[in-house]
C-alpha atoms as a PDB file:
ATOM      1  CA  MET A   1      16.445   8.609  16.580  1.00  0.00           C
ATOM      2  CA  GLU A   2      18.276   4.854  16.546  1.00  0.00           C
ATOM      3  CA  ARG A   3      19.436   3.850  20.150  1.00  0.00           C
ATOM      4  CA  PRO A   4      20.898  -0.786  20.747  1.00  0.00           C
ATOM      5  CA  ILE A   5      18.409  -2.603  20.837  1.00  0.00           C
ATOM      6  CA  ARG A   6      20.504  -6.460  22.400  1.00  0.00           C
ATOM      7  CA  VAL A   7      18.863  -9.241  20.926  1.00  0.00           C
ATOM      8  CA  THR A   8      20.192 -13.385  21.456  1.00  0.00           C
ATOM      9  CA  ILE A   9      19.734 -15.499  18.194  1.00  0.00           C
ATOM     10  CA  ALA A  10      21.371 -19.209  18.422  1.00  0.00           C
ATOM     11  CA  GLY A  11      22.973 -18.642  21.714  1.00  0.00           C
ATOM     12  CA  ARG A  12      24.458 -15.754  19.957  1.00  0.00           C
ATOM     13  CA  GLU A  13      24.653 -11.502  21.389  1.00  0.00           C
ATOM     14  CA  TYR A  14      24.038  -9.378  18.678  1.00  0.00           C
ATOM     15  CA  VAL A  15      23.489  -4.972  19.228  1.00  0.00           C
ATOM     16  CA  LEU A  16      21.493  -4.246  16.677  1.00  0.00           C
ATOM     17  CA  ARG A  17      20.290  -0.410  16.387  1.00  0.00           C
ATOM     18  CA  GLY A  18      16.654   0.258  15.109  1.00  0.00           C
ATOM     19  CA  GLU A  19      14.182   3.372  15.948  1.00  0.00           C
ATOM     20  CA  ASP A  20      11.375   1.379  17.025  1.00  0.00           C
ATOM     21  CA  GLU A  21      12.934  -1.361  19.473  1.00  0.00           C
ATOM     22  CA  GLU A  22       9.130  -3.434  19.729  1.00  0.00           C
ATOM     23  CA  GLN A  23      10.044  -4.044  16.132  1.00  0.00           C
ATOM     24  CA  VAL A  24      13.251  -5.333  16.565  1.00  0.00           C
ATOM     25  CA  LEU A  25      12.313  -7.627  19.284  1.00  0.00           C
ATOM     26  CA  ARG A  26       9.949  -9.081  17.847  1.00  0.00           C
ATOM     27  CA  SER A  27      11.599  -9.696  14.544  1.00  0.00           C
ATOM     28  CA  ALA A  28      14.636 -11.055  16.569  1.00  0.00           C
ATOM     29  CA  GLN A  29      12.226 -13.165  18.024  1.00  0.00           C
ATOM     30  CA  GLU A  30      10.646 -14.757  14.915  1.00  0.00           C
ATOM     31  CA  VAL A  31      14.347 -15.420  13.714  1.00  0.00           C
ATOM     32  CA  GLU A  32      15.324 -16.979  16.772  1.00  0.00           C
ATOM     33  CA  GLN A  33      11.542 -19.327  17.136  1.00  0.00           C
ATOM     34  CA  GLN A  34      12.590 -20.169  13.466  1.00  0.00           C
ATOM     35  CA  TRP A  35      16.481 -21.163  14.441  1.00  0.00           C
ATOM     36  CA  LYS A  36      15.816 -23.280  17.280  1.00  0.00           C
ATOM     37  CA  LEU A  37      11.981 -24.711  14.608  1.00  0.00           C
ATOM     38  CA  LEU A  38      15.466 -25.832  12.013  1.00  0.00           C
ATOM     39  CA  GLN A  39      17.662 -26.765  14.334  1.00  0.00           C
ATOM     40  CA  GLY A  40      15.006 -29.162  15.843  1.00  0.00           C
ATOM     41  CA  GLN A  41      14.249 -30.310  12.222  1.00  0.00           C
ATOM     42  CA  VAL A  42      18.003 -30.277  10.823  1.00  0.00           C
ATOM     43  CA  PRO A  43      20.014 -30.808  13.937  1.00  0.00           C
ATOM     44  CA  GLU A  44      23.623 -31.348  11.892  1.00  0.00           C
ATOM     45  CA  GLN A  45      22.895 -28.499   9.538  1.00  0.00           C
ATOM     46  CA  SER A  46      25.823 -25.716   9.627  1.00  0.00           C
ATOM     47  CA  THR A  47      25.412 -22.204  11.300  1.00  0.00           C
ATOM     48  CA  ALA A  48      25.752 -20.836   7.492  1.00  0.00           C
ATOM     49  CA  THR A  49      22.835 -23.416   6.621  1.00  0.00           C
ATOM     50  CA  MET A  50      21.287 -22.699   9.325  1.00  0.00           C
ATOM     51  CA  ALA A  51      21.179 -19.275   8.570  1.00  0.00           C
ATOM     52  CA  ILE A  52      19.793 -19.309   4.495  1.00  0.00           C
ATOM     53  CA  LEU A  53      17.452 -21.671   5.671  1.00  0.00           C
ATOM     54  CA  VAL A  54      15.931 -19.504   8.208  1.00  0.00           C
ATOM     55  CA  ALA A  55      16.119 -16.469   5.683  1.00  0.00           C
ATOM     56  CA  LEU A  56      13.889 -18.860   3.718  1.00  0.00           C
ATOM     57  CA  ASN A  57      11.360 -19.888   6.205  1.00  0.00           C
ATOM     58  CA  LEU A  58      11.067 -15.841   6.707  1.00  0.00           C
ATOM     59  CA  ALA A  59      10.902 -14.802   2.729  1.00  0.00           C
ATOM     60  CA  GLU A  60       8.405 -17.475   1.793  1.00  0.00           C
ATOM     61  CA  GLN A  61       5.735 -16.797   5.140  1.00  0.00           C
ATOM     62  CA  TYR A  62       6.158 -12.902   3.623  1.00  0.00           C
ATOM     63  CA  HIS A  63       5.541 -13.718   0.363  1.00  0.00           C
ATOM     64  CA  ARG A  64       2.317 -15.930   1.506  1.00  0.00           C
ATOM     65  CA  LEU A  65       1.528 -13.348   4.328  1.00  0.00           C
ATOM     66  CA  ARG A  66       1.310 -10.102   1.180  1.00  0.00           C
ATOM     67  CA  ARG A  67      -0.452 -12.894  -1.820  1.00  0.00           C
ATOM     68  CA  GLN A  68      -2.496 -12.610   1.006  1.00  0.00           C
ATOM     69  CA  ALA A  69      -2.874  -9.183   1.317  1.00  0.00           C
ATOM     70  CA  GLU A  70      -3.528  -8.662  -1.844  1.00  0.00           C
ATOM     71  CA  VAL A  71      -6.255 -10.948  -2.195  1.00  0.00           C
ATOM     72  CA  ASP A  72      -8.147  -9.452   1.149  1.00  0.00           C
ATOM     73  CA  LEU A  73      -7.285  -6.124  -0.831  1.00  0.00           C
ATOM     74  CA  HIS A  74      -8.887  -7.176  -4.529  1.00  0.00           C
ATOM     75  CA  TYR A  75     -11.889  -8.481  -2.247  1.00  0.00           C
ATOM     76  CA  VAL A  76     -12.938  -5.076  -0.376  1.00  0.00           C
ATOM     77  CA  ARG A  77     -12.476  -3.300  -3.253  1.00  0.00           C
ATOM     78  CA  GLU A  78     -15.057  -5.939  -4.276  1.00  0.00           C
ATOM     79  CA  SER A  79     -17.324  -5.142  -1.999  1.00  0.00           C
ATOM     80  CA  LEU A  80     -16.486  -1.654  -1.417  1.00  0.00           C
ATOM     81  CA  ASP A  81     -17.486  -0.837  -5.353  1.00  0.00           C
ATOM     82  CA  ARG A  82     -20.900  -3.369  -4.940  1.00  0.00           C
ATOM     83  CA  MET A  83     -22.217  -1.024  -1.657  1.00  0.00           C
ATOM     84  CA  VAL A  84     -21.894   1.954  -3.951  1.00  0.00           C
ATOM     85  CA  ALA A  85     -23.247   0.249  -7.206  1.00  0.00           C
ATOM     86  CA  TYR A  86     -26.081  -0.435  -4.591  1.00  0.00           C
ATOM     87  CA  VAL A  87     -26.417   3.323  -2.255  1.00  0.00           C
ATOM     88  CA  GLU A  88     -26.259   4.763  -6.728  1.00  0.00           C
ATOM     89  CA  GLU A  89     -29.102   2.748  -7.376  1.00  0.00           C
ATOM     90  CA  GLN A  90     -31.107   3.050  -4.416  1.00  0.00           C
ATOM     91  CA  LEU A  91     -30.081   6.700  -4.247  1.00  0.00           C
ATOM     92  CA  SER A  92     -31.450   7.164  -8.421  1.00  0.00           C
ATOM     93  CA  ALA A  93     -34.735   5.089  -7.712  1.00  0.00           C
ATOM     94  CA  LEU A  94     -36.172   7.962  -4.970  1.00  0.00           C
ATOM     95  CA  GLY A  95     -34.494  10.691  -7.685  1.00  0.00           C
ATOM     96  CA  VAL A  96     -31.418  11.715  -6.599  1.00  0.00           C
ATOM     97  CA  GLY A  97     -28.714  12.199  -8.391  1.00  0.00           C
ATOM     98  CA  VAL A  98     -24.792  11.819  -6.840  1.00  0.00           C
ATOM     99  CA  GLU A  99     -22.199  12.607  -8.945  1.00  0.00           C
ATOM    100  CA  ARG A 100     -18.988  10.373  -8.741  1.00  0.00           C
ATOM    101  CA  PRO A 101     -15.661  11.687  -8.352  1.00  0.00           C
ATOM    102  CA  GLU A 102     -13.272  10.450 -10.794  1.00  0.00           C
ATOM    103  CA  ASN A 103     -10.603   9.057  -9.091  1.00  0.00           C
ATOM    104  CA  LEU A 104     -13.095   6.481  -6.892  1.00  0.00           C
END
């Protein structure tokens, strides 16, 4: 059940709703950290511009992590395929036949 969660971002308090309070608080903390980082770099920007810059930074981080997750998944799949092939080869050398399921 969603419940109210109080967070402070850029000096303003917001009441958000969510089922996972820890996740909401972590997300708000990340936004606040990005805000402070950018505010130190470009202090003359308006609140609206800062909000857009924070959103762009977080989107960039998201896409970078997503690309890395895809690379990691590809690596794991290839590694597992090589392991399965090795095990099948060893079993075959021992004269043990193994039927591989179609979805692998």
